[in-house]
Amino acid sequence: MFKLRVNSTSPVRTKLTNNEVDEIKSLVFEYLQSNTTITNKELRKIADISYDQAIYFFSKMRSAKYLRKIGSSSSTHYVKF
């Protein structure tokens, strides 16, 4: 699929660099071309990042108005804004 190896150097790191965020954003928008939503679990699978890194990424994307959060808890998914 579209793997990005963010975890490979530091598995305990929760933040992502701006370059990593940009690369993951590209993966997400490519993913959303053929899917209507993306979940935390799906993001972790395609980008090979941790749960906390996914939360950080989605927070940045929501703040920048790229993605909108729908639902809560385990039913949370994200769509293009």
N, C-alpha and C. Protein backbone atom coordinates (compact mmCIF):
# COMPACT_ATOMS: atom_id res chain seq x y z
N MET A 1 0.85 -1.19 0.00
CA MET A 1 0.00 0.00 0.00
C MET A 1 0.88 1.24 0.00
N PHE A 2 0.60 2.27 0.80
CA PHE A 2 1.34 3.53 0.78
C PHE A 2 2.21 3.74 2.01
N LYS A 3 2.97 2.83 2.49
CA LYS A 3 3.67 2.91 3.78
C LYS A 3 4.70 4.03 3.87
N LEU A 4 4.70 4.69 5.02
CA LEU A 4 5.70 5.69 5.38
C LEU A 4 6.27 5.23 6.72
N ARG A 5 7.56 5.05 6.82
CA ARG A 5 8.17 4.49 8.03
C ARG A 5 8.56 5.59 9.01
N VAL A 6 7.60 6.07 9.79
CA VAL A 6 7.88 7.11 10.77
C VAL A 6 8.37 6.50 12.08
N ASN A 7 7.85 5.34 12.46
CA ASN A 7 8.20 4.71 13.73
C ASN A 7 9.59 4.14 13.77
N SER A 8 10.19 3.86 12.65
CA SER A 8 11.41 3.08 12.60
C SER A 8 12.57 3.66 13.41
N THR A 9 12.65 4.96 13.61
CA THR A 9 13.78 5.53 14.33
C THR A 9 13.50 5.77 15.81
N SER A 10 12.27 6.02 16.19
CA SER A 10 11.99 6.33 17.59
C SER A 10 10.54 5.97 17.93
N PRO A 11 10.30 4.75 18.39
CA PRO A 11 8.92 4.32 18.63
C PRO A 11 8.19 5.05 19.74
N VAL A 12 8.88 5.74 20.66
CA VAL A 12 8.20 6.43 21.75
C VAL A 12 7.86 7.88 21.42
N ARG A 13 8.29 8.36 20.28
CA ARG A 13 8.03 9.73 19.87
C ARG A 13 6.56 9.91 19.52
N THR A 14 5.93 10.96 20.06
CA THR A 14 4.51 11.18 19.75
C THR A 14 4.30 12.27 18.72
N LYS A 15 5.19 13.26 18.67
CA LYS A 15 5.04 14.33 17.69
C LYS A 15 5.66 13.92 16.37
N LEU A 16 5.25 14.59 15.34
CA LEU A 16 5.78 14.36 14.00
C LEU A 16 6.44 15.65 13.52
N THR A 17 7.47 15.52 12.71
CA THR A 17 8.07 16.72 12.13
C THR A 17 7.12 17.29 11.07
N ASN A 18 7.36 18.51 10.68
CA ASN A 18 6.53 19.12 9.63
C ASN A 18 6.64 18.33 8.33
N ASN A 19 7.83 17.82 8.02
CA ASN A 19 8.00 17.01 6.81
C ASN A 19 7.20 15.72 6.89
N GLU A 20 7.21 15.08 8.06
CA GLU A 20 6.43 13.85 8.24
C GLU A 20 4.94 14.13 8.11
N VAL A 21 4.49 15.24 8.70
CA VAL A 21 3.07 15.61 8.58
C VAL A 21 2.70 15.81 7.12
N ASP A 22 3.56 16.49 6.37
CA ASP A 22 3.29 16.71 4.94
C ASP A 22 3.24 15.40 4.16
N GLU A 23 4.17 14.49 4.45
CA GLU A 23 4.17 13.20 3.76
C GLU A 23 2.93 12.39 4.11
N ILE A 24 2.55 12.39 5.37
CA ILE A 24 1.36 11.65 5.79
C ILE A 24 0.10 12.28 5.20
N LYS A 25 0.08 13.62 5.13
CA LYS A 25 -1.06 14.31 4.53
C LYS A 25 -1.24 13.86 3.08
N SER A 26 -0.15 13.72 2.35
CA SER A 26 -0.23 13.22 0.97
C SER A 26 -0.81 11.81 0.93
N LEU A 27 -0.35 10.96 1.85
CA LEU A 27 -0.88 9.59 1.91
C LEU A 27 -2.38 9.59 2.20
N VAL A 28 -2.78 10.44 3.14
CA VAL A 28 -4.19 10.50 3.53
C VAL A 28 -5.06 10.98 2.38
N PHE A 29 -4.63 12.02 1.67
CA PHE A 29 -5.45 12.52 0.57
C PHE A 29 -5.47 11.54 -0.60
N GLU A 30 -4.40 10.81 -0.79
CA GLU A 30 -4.42 9.74 -1.79
C GLU A 30 -5.40 8.65 -1.36
N TYR A 31 -5.38 8.29 -0.09
CA TYR A 31 -6.30 7.29 0.45
C TYR A 31 -7.75 7.75 0.30
N LEU A 32 -7.99 9.03 0.57
CA LEU A 32 -9.35 9.56 0.52
C LEU A 32 -9.88 9.74 -0.91
N GLN A 33 -9.05 9.56 -1.90
CA GLN A 33 -9.53 9.57 -3.28
C GLN A 33 -10.39 8.34 -3.57
N SER A 34 -10.10 7.24 -2.89
CA SER A 34 -10.87 6.02 -3.13
C SER A 34 -11.68 5.58 -1.91
N ASN A 35 -11.63 6.34 -0.83
CA ASN A 35 -12.40 6.05 0.39
C ASN A 35 -13.01 7.36 0.88
N THR A 36 -14.20 7.29 1.45
CA THR A 36 -14.86 8.52 1.89
C THR A 36 -14.36 9.00 3.24
N THR A 37 -13.87 8.09 4.08
CA THR A 37 -13.40 8.46 5.41
C THR A 37 -12.10 7.71 5.73
N ILE A 38 -11.45 8.17 6.80
CA ILE A 38 -10.27 7.47 7.31
C ILE A 38 -10.35 7.45 8.83
N THR A 39 -9.95 6.34 9.42
CA THR A 39 -9.94 6.20 10.88
C THR A 39 -8.50 6.23 11.38
N ASN A 40 -8.37 6.33 12.68
CA ASN A 40 -7.06 6.29 13.31
C ASN A 40 -6.35 4.98 12.96
N LYS A 41 -7.06 3.89 13.04
CA LYS A 41 -6.49 2.57 12.74
C LYS A 41 -6.02 2.48 11.29
N GLU A 42 -6.83 2.99 10.37
CA GLU A 42 -6.45 2.97 8.95
C GLU A 42 -5.21 3.83 8.71
N LEU A 43 -5.17 5.01 9.34
CA LEU A 43 -4.00 5.88 9.20
C LEU A 43 -2.75 5.19 9.72
N ARG A 44 -2.85 4.56 10.89
CA ARG A 44 -1.69 3.88 11.46
C ARG A 44 -1.19 2.77 10.54
N LYS A 45 -2.12 2.12 9.86
CA LYS A 45 -1.73 1.04 8.95
C LYS A 45 -1.04 1.58 7.69
N ILE A 46 -1.60 2.60 7.06
CA ILE A 46 -1.01 3.07 5.80
C ILE A 46 0.27 3.88 6.02
N ALA A 47 0.39 4.55 7.18
CA ALA A 47 1.56 5.40 7.43
C ALA A 47 2.57 4.74 8.37
N ASP A 48 2.21 3.62 8.96
CA ASP A 48 3.08 2.91 9.90
C ASP A 48 3.53 3.83 11.03
N ILE A 49 2.55 4.45 11.69
CA ILE A 49 2.82 5.34 12.81
C ILE A 49 2.09 4.83 14.04
N SER A 50 2.42 5.41 15.20
CA SER A 50 1.79 4.99 16.46
C SER A 50 0.42 5.65 16.63
N TYR A 51 -0.31 5.16 17.62
CA TYR A 51 -1.61 5.72 17.95
C TYR A 51 -1.47 7.21 18.29
N ASP A 52 -0.50 7.54 19.16
CA ASP A 52 -0.32 8.93 19.56
C ASP A 52 0.10 9.82 18.40
N GLN A 53 0.91 9.30 17.49
CA GLN A 53 1.29 10.07 16.31
C GLN A 53 0.08 10.32 15.42
N ALA A 54 -0.81 9.34 15.32
CA ALA A 54 -2.03 9.52 14.53
C ALA A 54 -2.92 10.59 15.15
N ILE A 55 -3.05 10.57 16.47
CA ILE A 55 -3.84 11.59 17.16
C ILE A 55 -3.24 12.97 16.90
N TYR A 56 -1.92 13.08 17.01
CA TYR A 56 -1.22 14.33 16.75
C TYR A 56 -1.49 14.80 15.32
N PHE A 57 -1.37 13.88 14.36
CA PHE A 57 -1.61 14.22 12.95
C PHE A 57 -3.04 14.73 12.73
N PHE A 58 -4.02 13.98 13.24
CA PHE A 58 -5.41 14.39 13.05
C PHE A 58 -5.68 15.75 13.71
N SER A 59 -5.08 16.00 14.85
CA SER A 59 -5.24 17.29 15.52
C SER A 59 -4.71 18.42 14.64
N LYS A 60 -3.53 18.23 14.05
CA LYS A 60 -2.96 19.24 13.15
C LYS A 60 -3.85 19.45 11.94
N MET A 61 -4.38 18.39 11.36
CA MET A 61 -5.21 18.49 10.17
C MET A 61 -6.55 19.15 10.47
N ARG A 62 -7.08 18.90 11.66
CA ARG A 62 -8.33 19.55 12.05
C ARG A 62 -8.11 21.04 12.28
N SER A 63 -7.02 21.39 12.93
CA SER A 63 -6.71 22.81 13.19
C SER A 63 -6.53 23.58 11.89
N ALA A 64 -5.93 22.93 10.90
CA ALA A 64 -5.68 23.58 9.61
C ALA A 64 -6.89 23.49 8.69
N LYS A 65 -7.96 22.88 9.16
CA LYS A 65 -9.21 22.72 8.40
C LYS A 65 -9.03 21.88 7.14
N TYR A 66 -8.15 20.87 7.20
CA TYR A 66 -8.02 19.91 6.10
C TYR A 66 -8.98 18.74 6.29
N LEU A 67 -9.17 18.34 7.57
CA LEU A 67 -10.04 17.22 7.88
C LEU A 67 -11.05 17.61 8.94
N ARG A 68 -12.20 16.94 8.89
CA ARG A 68 -13.26 17.16 9.86
C ARG A 68 -13.52 15.85 10.59
N LYS A 69 -13.66 15.92 11.90
CA LYS A 69 -13.90 14.75 12.74
C LYS A 69 -15.39 14.45 12.79
N ILE A 70 -15.72 13.17 12.63
CA ILE A 70 -17.10 12.72 12.73
C ILE A 70 -17.15 11.58 13.74
N GLY A 71 -18.08 11.64 14.66
CA GLY A 71 -18.21 10.59 15.66
C GLY A 71 -17.28 10.81 16.84
N SER A 72 -17.29 9.83 17.74
CA SER A 72 -16.43 9.90 18.92
C SER A 72 -16.02 8.50 19.33
N SER A 73 -15.00 8.46 20.14
CA SER A 73 -14.47 7.20 20.67
C SER A 73 -14.07 6.26 19.54
N SER A 74 -14.44 5.01 19.64
CA SER A 74 -14.00 4.04 18.62
C SER A 74 -14.70 4.22 17.27
N SER A 75 -15.76 5.03 17.22
CA SER A 75 -16.44 5.24 15.94
C SER A 75 -15.94 6.50 15.22
N THR A 76 -14.91 7.15 15.74
CA THR A 76 -14.39 8.37 15.13
C THR A 76 -13.79 8.09 13.77
N HIS A 77 -14.15 8.92 12.81
CA HIS A 77 -13.52 8.87 11.50
C HIS A 77 -13.41 10.30 10.99
N TYR A 78 -12.61 10.48 9.96
CA TYR A 78 -12.29 11.81 9.46
C TYR A 78 -12.61 11.89 7.96
N VAL A 79 -13.11 13.05 7.55
CA VAL A 79 -13.43 13.30 6.15
C VAL A 79 -12.76 14.60 5.73
N LYS A 80 -12.62 14.79 4.42
CA LYS A 80 -12.09 16.07 3.93
C LYS A 80 -13.02 17.19 4.35
N PHE A 81 -12.45 18.32 4.70
CA PHE A 81 -13.23 19.48 5.14
C PHE A 81 -14.01 20.05 4.00
